[in-house]
Each structure stands twice: as C-alpha cells, then as structure tokens.
Amino acid sequence: MAEGLLRRIGGSNIEVESAGVEPSSVRLEAIEVMSEIGIDISGNRSKSADEFIGRDFDYIITVCDKAKETCPVFPGKAVRIHRSFEDPPAAAAGEYQWRLGIFRRVRDELDEWLEDLSKTILV
C-alpha cells in the first residue's frame, strides 16, 4: 500500500520500489482498499528486499518494526526513515468486512504520514 501511495504522492518526480522481508502475495484486501481511493495495485507483486541489494537509494523507508530490524544494508547515502504501522495481514483475522476495516485504517494512517513526509523529502 505504501508503494501505491508514494507513487500517487510523488508522481513522476520520484522512483518508488517496495519490498518485504517475507514477501508473499499482494492481499486482496489491500487491492480493494487502494482501489477505493483510485489507486490500482492489482498488478503489483510482492518482492524480496534481496532483489534490490547493490542498488543505490536516496531513502529507505520502513513501515514495520520487523522490516526495520531485518532490512538488508544498502551502502551509500540512503537516509533511513522508520515508522511502525500495524501489519494488516497479521491483525486481520475474521470476516472479510472486518479485515477491510483494518486495511482501510492502516491505509489512511500510511497516507497521512507519507503526505507529511513527502513535504520534507520531495522538496
């Protein structure tokens, strides 16, 4: 979700890549709640952070504590930025509508934080 939000926020001014420490699949709940705000992530795929070893980045943004702790080291000038958000798949047990509610809340929290963050890093 963070990748889709950052692409919308930054437009063609930034290049965004996202990866996880335990990639799996893009959750249907994430696709649905992002679609609700006009962002299509249905073509995205879950990638491993290892795919990006050797690449230079300006920023490494982590949004959960597990990622912060296990993210590979990317040498160079990358500024690391971290804020922990609830992991929707881990918290989203129960009926589909209940899970959507959790995904929506985390989406909105991410969106607000990334909008604020973009004002300082996209200048």
Protein backbone atom coordinates (compact mmCIF):
# COMPACT_ATOMS: atom_id res chain seq x y z
CA MET A 1 0.00 0.00 0.00
CA ALA A 2 2.86 2.37 0.80
CA GLU A 3 4.29 1.90 -2.69
CA GLY A 4 0.99 2.85 -4.33
CA LEU A 5 0.53 5.84 -2.05
CA LEU A 6 4.06 7.13 -2.68
CA ARG A 7 3.65 6.76 -6.44
CA ARG A 8 0.49 8.87 -6.24
CA ILE A 9 2.10 11.47 -3.97
CA GLY A 10 5.37 11.78 -5.89
CA GLY A 11 4.08 11.29 -9.40
CA SER A 12 6.83 11.27 -11.99
CA ASN A 13 9.17 13.13 -9.62
CA ILE A 14 10.24 10.01 -7.77
CA GLU A 15 11.01 6.37 -8.42
CA VAL A 16 9.43 4.05 -5.88
CA GLU A 17 10.31 0.44 -5.15
CA SER A 18 8.91 -1.66 -2.37
CA ALA A 19 9.90 -4.96 -0.88
CA GLY A 20 9.32 -7.06 2.16
CA VAL A 21 11.42 -9.23 4.37
CA GLU A 22 8.96 -12.10 3.90
CA PRO A 23 7.29 -11.50 0.52
CA SER A 24 4.17 -13.43 -0.28
CA SER A 25 1.33 -12.14 -2.42
CA VAL A 26 -0.47 -8.81 -2.62
CA ARG A 27 -3.52 -9.23 -0.41
CA LEU A 28 -6.95 -8.85 -2.00
CA GLU A 29 -7.92 -6.57 0.88
CA ALA A 30 -5.05 -4.21 0.03
CA ILE A 31 -6.03 -4.17 -3.64
CA GLU A 32 -9.64 -3.37 -2.73
CA VAL A 33 -8.97 -0.58 -0.23
CA MET A 34 -6.45 1.07 -2.54
CA SER A 35 -8.94 0.87 -5.39
CA GLU A 36 -11.42 2.75 -3.19
CA ILE A 37 -9.11 5.79 -3.35
CA GLY A 38 -8.33 5.42 -7.04
CA ILE A 39 -5.01 3.58 -6.81
CA ASP A 40 -4.64 0.31 -8.74
CA ILE A 41 -2.11 -2.05 -7.17
CA SER A 42 -3.60 -5.18 -8.72
CA GLY A 43 -0.57 -5.56 -10.99
CA ASN A 44 1.95 -5.20 -8.19
CA ARG A 45 3.86 -8.16 -6.88
CA SER A 46 5.38 -8.86 -3.52
CA LYS A 47 9.16 -8.56 -3.81
CA SER A 48 12.03 -9.53 -1.54
CA ALA A 49 14.37 -6.82 -0.29
CA ASP A 50 17.20 -9.06 -1.54
CA GLU A 51 16.18 -8.17 -5.12
CA PHE A 52 17.48 -4.66 -4.54
CA ILE A 53 20.86 -5.40 -2.97
CA GLY A 54 23.51 -3.45 -4.84
CA ARG A 55 21.15 -0.63 -5.83
CA ASP A 56 21.62 2.91 -4.58
CA PHE A 57 18.68 4.63 -2.92
CA ASP A 58 18.19 8.12 -1.56
CA TYR A 59 15.78 6.88 1.11
CA ILE A 60 14.99 3.58 2.75
CA ILE A 61 11.56 3.85 4.36
CA THR A 62 10.42 1.06 6.64
CA VAL A 63 6.89 0.88 7.96
CA CYS A 64 7.03 -2.02 10.40
CA ASP A 65 9.48 -2.93 13.15
CA LYS A 66 10.31 -6.34 11.66
CA ALA A 67 11.35 -4.70 8.39
CA LYS A 68 13.48 -2.15 10.24
CA GLU A 69 15.27 -4.88 12.15
CA THR A 70 15.88 -7.24 9.23
CA CYS A 71 16.20 -4.91 6.23
CA PRO A 72 19.44 -5.57 4.34
CA VAL A 73 22.12 -2.94 4.49
CA PHE A 74 22.15 -0.74 1.42
CA PRO A 75 25.52 1.02 1.32
CA GLY A 76 25.69 4.58 0.15
CA LYS A 77 23.97 7.77 1.06
CA ALA A 78 20.49 6.39 1.72
CA VAL A 79 18.69 8.09 4.59
CA ARG A 80 16.74 5.60 6.69
CA ILE A 81 13.28 6.66 7.83
CA HIS A 82 11.12 4.48 10.03
CA ARG A 83 7.65 4.49 11.48
CA SER A 84 5.91 1.39 12.65
CA PHE A 85 2.38 0.68 11.47
CA GLU A 86 0.20 -2.28 12.33
CA ASP A 87 0.69 -5.11 9.86
CA PRO A 88 -2.82 -5.56 8.41
CA PRO A 89 -2.40 -9.21 7.36
CA ALA A 90 -1.17 -10.13 10.83
CA ALA A 91 -4.04 -8.29 12.53
CA ALA A 92 -6.77 -9.07 10.04
CA ALA A 93 -8.34 -12.27 11.25
CA GLY A 94 -12.05 -12.71 10.90
CA GLU A 95 -14.66 -11.89 8.32
CA TYR A 96 -13.76 -10.10 5.11
CA GLN A 97 -15.50 -6.83 6.03
CA TRP A 98 -13.65 -6.77 9.37
CA ARG A 99 -10.33 -7.27 7.58
CA LEU A 100 -11.18 -4.50 5.11
CA GLY A 101 -11.70 -2.14 8.05
CA ILE A 102 -8.21 -2.84 9.34
CA PHE A 103 -6.68 -2.39 5.89
CA ARG A 104 -8.57 0.91 5.44
CA ARG A 105 -7.35 2.25 8.77
CA VAL A 106 -3.72 1.36 8.06
CA ARG A 107 -4.04 2.76 4.50
CA ASP A 108 -5.31 6.06 5.87
CA GLU A 109 -2.59 6.22 8.56
CA LEU A 110 0.09 5.50 5.94
CA ASP A 111 -1.37 8.06 3.56
CA GLU A 112 -1.36 10.83 6.16
CA TRP A 113 2.18 10.06 7.31
CA LEU A 114 3.58 9.73 3.77
CA GLU A 115 1.90 13.00 2.70
CA ASP A 116 3.58 14.78 5.63
CA LEU A 117 6.90 13.04 4.99
CA SER A 118 6.83 13.95 1.31
CA LYS A 119 6.74 17.63 2.23
CA THR A 120 10.21 17.29 3.71
CA ILE A 121 11.88 14.82 1.35
CA LEU A 122 10.37 15.81 -2.00
CA VAL A 123 11.49 19.42 -1.95
